[in-house]
Amino acid sequence: MSTMLETDRSVTDATAIAAGASQYLTFTLGSAEYAVDILKVQEIRGYDSVTAIANAPAFIKGVINLRGVIVPIVDMRIKFQVGEERYDQFTVVIILNVLRRVVGIVVDGVSDVITLPPEQVKESPEFGAALDTKYIMGLGTIDQRMIILVDIERLMSSRDMELMEEATA
């Protein structure tokens, strides 16, 4: 029976995507739930030790060697100033392909893959200068859940992320 339900969900997701919906990988940082475009995700790994880079900003934890590719690791808790910096068995690294570059982001945990039709995505509210929302594409709503949709390309191409290029060059 669960196979039929999963098949029905796949058909529903495929229909929704054909109708303009997008799929996102959701993850948690502190008590908030975030999401990135699933097409940017290469893989999900458990957090492992990284090689620190001298003079790198605090949010750049270092680099890892992923099958011959040097991958910078960004701790999103530090970058977004949410949650406490801790590394345990639930901490994961999402490996992303962004702007022809491979980068890893450290998050508290990965939730699931969701499909959001355009009508379930709302514009992010304006908070003025108190909160930088330029990396937020919008807010997705599913039932009672509010999910912050991160524009990962805009974030990774921002000025402070250019420091990542310098630190890992």
Protein backbone atom coordinates (compact mmCIF):
# COMPACT_ATOMS: atom_id res chain seq x y z
CA MET A 1 0.00 0.00 0.00
CA SER A 2 2.80 2.43 0.79
CA THR A 3 4.25 1.77 -2.68
CA MET A 4 0.99 2.92 -4.26
CA LEU A 5 0.99 6.00 -2.03
CA GLU A 6 4.60 6.78 -2.99
CA THR A 7 3.75 6.28 -6.67
CA ASP A 8 0.73 8.57 -6.33
CA ARG A 9 2.92 11.20 -4.64
CA SER A 10 5.51 10.95 -7.45
CA VAL A 11 2.80 11.43 -10.05
CA THR A 12 1.40 14.36 -8.06
CA ASP A 13 4.90 15.90 -7.73
CA ALA A 14 5.55 15.42 -11.46
CA THR A 15 2.20 17.04 -12.27
CA ALA A 16 2.94 19.94 -9.90
CA ILE A 17 6.40 20.47 -11.41
CA ALA A 18 4.89 20.48 -14.91
CA ALA A 19 2.50 23.17 -13.64
CA GLY A 20 5.38 25.43 -12.55
CA ALA A 21 6.10 24.13 -9.06
CA SER A 22 9.66 23.87 -7.80
CA GLN A 23 11.35 21.30 -5.60
CA TYR A 24 13.47 22.21 -2.61
CA LEU A 25 15.64 20.41 -0.08
CA THR A 26 14.64 21.59 3.38
CA PHE A 27 17.04 21.87 6.30
CA THR A 28 17.06 23.28 9.80
CA LEU A 29 19.18 25.98 11.39
CA GLY A 30 18.29 26.51 15.02
CA SER A 31 14.50 26.50 15.24
CA ALA A 32 13.94 27.74 11.67
CA GLU A 33 13.41 25.70 8.53
CA TYR A 34 15.15 26.72 5.31
CA ALA A 35 15.23 25.36 1.77
CA VAL A 36 17.43 25.43 -1.31
CA ASP A 37 16.62 24.50 -4.90
CA ILE A 38 17.01 20.72 -5.17
CA LEU A 39 18.71 21.11 -8.56
CA LYS A 40 21.69 22.76 -6.80
CA VAL A 41 22.23 19.80 -4.44
CA GLN A 42 24.97 17.33 -5.34
CA GLU A 43 24.96 15.21 -2.17
CA ILE A 44 24.39 15.18 1.58
CA ARG A 45 27.15 14.05 3.96
CA GLY A 46 27.67 13.79 7.66
CA TYR A 47 29.87 16.51 9.14
CA ASP A 48 33.51 15.47 9.26
CA SER A 49 36.68 17.32 10.13
CA VAL A 50 37.75 20.13 7.83
CA THR A 51 41.12 21.69 7.14
CA ALA A 52 41.09 25.22 8.53
CA ILE A 53 42.19 28.12 6.32
CA ALA A 54 44.23 30.90 7.94
CA ASN A 55 42.61 34.35 8.01
CA ALA A 56 39.28 33.05 6.67
CA PRO A 57 36.06 34.62 7.99
CA ALA A 58 34.46 32.74 10.90
CA PHE A 59 31.65 31.35 8.72
CA ILE A 60 34.19 29.54 6.49
CA LYS A 61 35.02 26.47 8.55
CA GLY A 62 37.70 25.33 6.11
CA VAL A 63 37.93 22.94 3.19
CA ILE A 64 37.54 19.24 2.50
CA ASN A 65 38.91 17.07 -0.28
CA LEU A 66 35.88 15.51 -1.97
CA ARG A 67 37.08 12.94 -4.49
CA GLY A 68 39.92 15.22 -5.63
CA VAL A 69 37.92 18.47 -5.53
CA ILE A 70 38.76 21.04 -2.83
CA VAL A 71 35.41 22.12 -1.38
CA PRO A 72 35.04 25.17 0.90
CA ILE A 73 32.71 24.54 3.85
CA VAL A 74 30.43 27.38 5.02
CA ASP A 75 28.70 27.12 8.39
CA MET A 76 25.24 28.56 7.73
CA ARG A 77 24.54 28.95 11.47
CA ILE A 78 27.38 31.44 11.70
CA LYS A 79 26.60 33.08 8.35
CA PHE A 80 22.93 33.63 9.24
CA GLN A 81 23.62 34.17 12.97
CA VAL A 82 21.12 31.52 14.06
CA GLY A 83 21.47 28.63 16.44
CA GLU A 84 24.57 27.71 18.31
CA GLU A 85 27.69 26.39 16.67
CA ARG A 86 27.76 22.69 17.52
CA TYR A 87 28.79 19.61 15.65
CA ASP A 88 27.14 16.31 16.53
CA GLN A 89 25.78 13.19 14.83
CA PHE A 90 22.86 15.21 13.38
CA THR A 91 25.03 17.93 11.80
CA VAL A 92 25.23 17.52 8.04
CA VAL A 93 26.97 19.12 5.09
CA ILE A 94 24.95 19.74 1.96
CA ILE A 95 27.28 19.71 -1.06
CA LEU A 96 26.02 22.17 -3.67
CA ASN A 97 26.88 23.03 -7.27
CA VAL A 98 26.53 26.79 -7.37
CA LEU A 99 27.82 29.10 -10.08
CA ARG A 100 30.03 26.37 -11.58
CA ARG A 101 31.60 25.79 -8.17
CA VAL A 102 31.25 23.06 -5.55
CA VAL A 103 30.65 24.31 -2.00
CA GLY A 104 29.44 22.69 1.20
CA ILE A 105 27.08 24.23 3.73
CA VAL A 106 26.88 23.05 7.34
CA VAL A 107 23.33 22.80 8.70
CA ASP A 108 21.73 21.32 11.82
CA GLY A 109 19.85 18.67 9.86
CA VAL A 110 18.13 17.86 6.58
CA SER A 111 14.35 17.48 6.67
CA ASP A 112 12.98 16.39 3.29
CA VAL A 113 12.34 17.31 -0.32
CA ILE A 114 9.23 19.42 -0.85
CA THR A 115 7.36 20.57 -3.94
CA LEU A 116 6.01 24.12 -3.82
CA PRO A 117 3.66 25.49 -6.46
CA PRO A 118 3.98 29.26 -7.04
CA GLU A 119 0.85 30.02 -4.99
CA GLN A 120 2.50 28.54 -1.89
CA VAL A 121 5.47 30.92 -2.14
CA LYS A 122 5.04 34.39 -0.66
CA GLU A 123 7.37 37.37 -0.91
CA SER A 124 9.62 37.84 2.08
CA PRO A 125 8.52 40.77 4.24
CA GLU A 126 10.61 43.93 4.38
CA PHE A 127 12.45 44.33 7.65
CA GLY A 128 14.33 47.49 6.71
CA ALA A 129 18.00 47.76 7.64
CA ALA A 130 17.54 45.57 10.74
CA LEU A 131 17.63 42.33 8.74
CA ASP A 132 19.32 41.54 5.43
CA THR A 133 16.76 39.69 3.30
CA LYS A 134 18.52 39.89 -0.08
CA TYR A 135 19.35 36.15 0.09
CA ILE A 136 15.73 35.18 0.70
CA MET A 137 13.67 34.29 -2.40
CA GLY A 138 10.46 34.04 -0.44
CA LEU A 139 8.59 32.11 2.21
CA GLY A 140 7.10 28.75 1.40
CA THR A 141 4.05 27.52 3.27
CA ILE A 142 3.03 23.91 3.72
CA ASP A 143 0.24 23.24 6.21
CA GLN A 144 1.38 25.12 9.33
CA ARG A 145 5.07 25.16 8.32
CA MET A 146 6.84 28.33 7.21
CA ILE A 147 9.98 27.63 5.16
CA ILE A 148 12.56 30.29 4.28
CA LEU A 149 13.62 29.84 0.65
CA VAL A 150 17.29 30.74 0.27
CA ASP A 151 18.63 32.12 -3.01
CA ILE A 152 21.85 30.15 -2.70
CA GLU A 153 23.34 31.58 -5.91
CA ARG A 154 22.86 35.15 -4.71
CA LEU A 155 24.31 34.23 -1.33
CA MET A 156 27.36 32.50 -2.79
CA SER A 157 28.02 35.32 -5.27
CA SER A 158 27.79 38.05 -2.61
CA ARG A 159 30.79 40.19 -1.67
CA ASP A 160 31.50 38.43 1.61
CA MET A 161 31.46 35.06 -0.15
CA GLU A 162 34.08 36.37 -2.56
CA LEU A 163 36.33 36.14 0.47
CA MET A 164 35.82 32.40 0.19
CA GLU A 165 37.44 32.51 -3.24
CA GLU A 166 40.42 34.38 -1.81
CA ALA A 167 40.72 32.10 1.22
CA THR A 168 40.70 28.90 -0.84
CA ALA A 169 42.81 30.16 -3.77
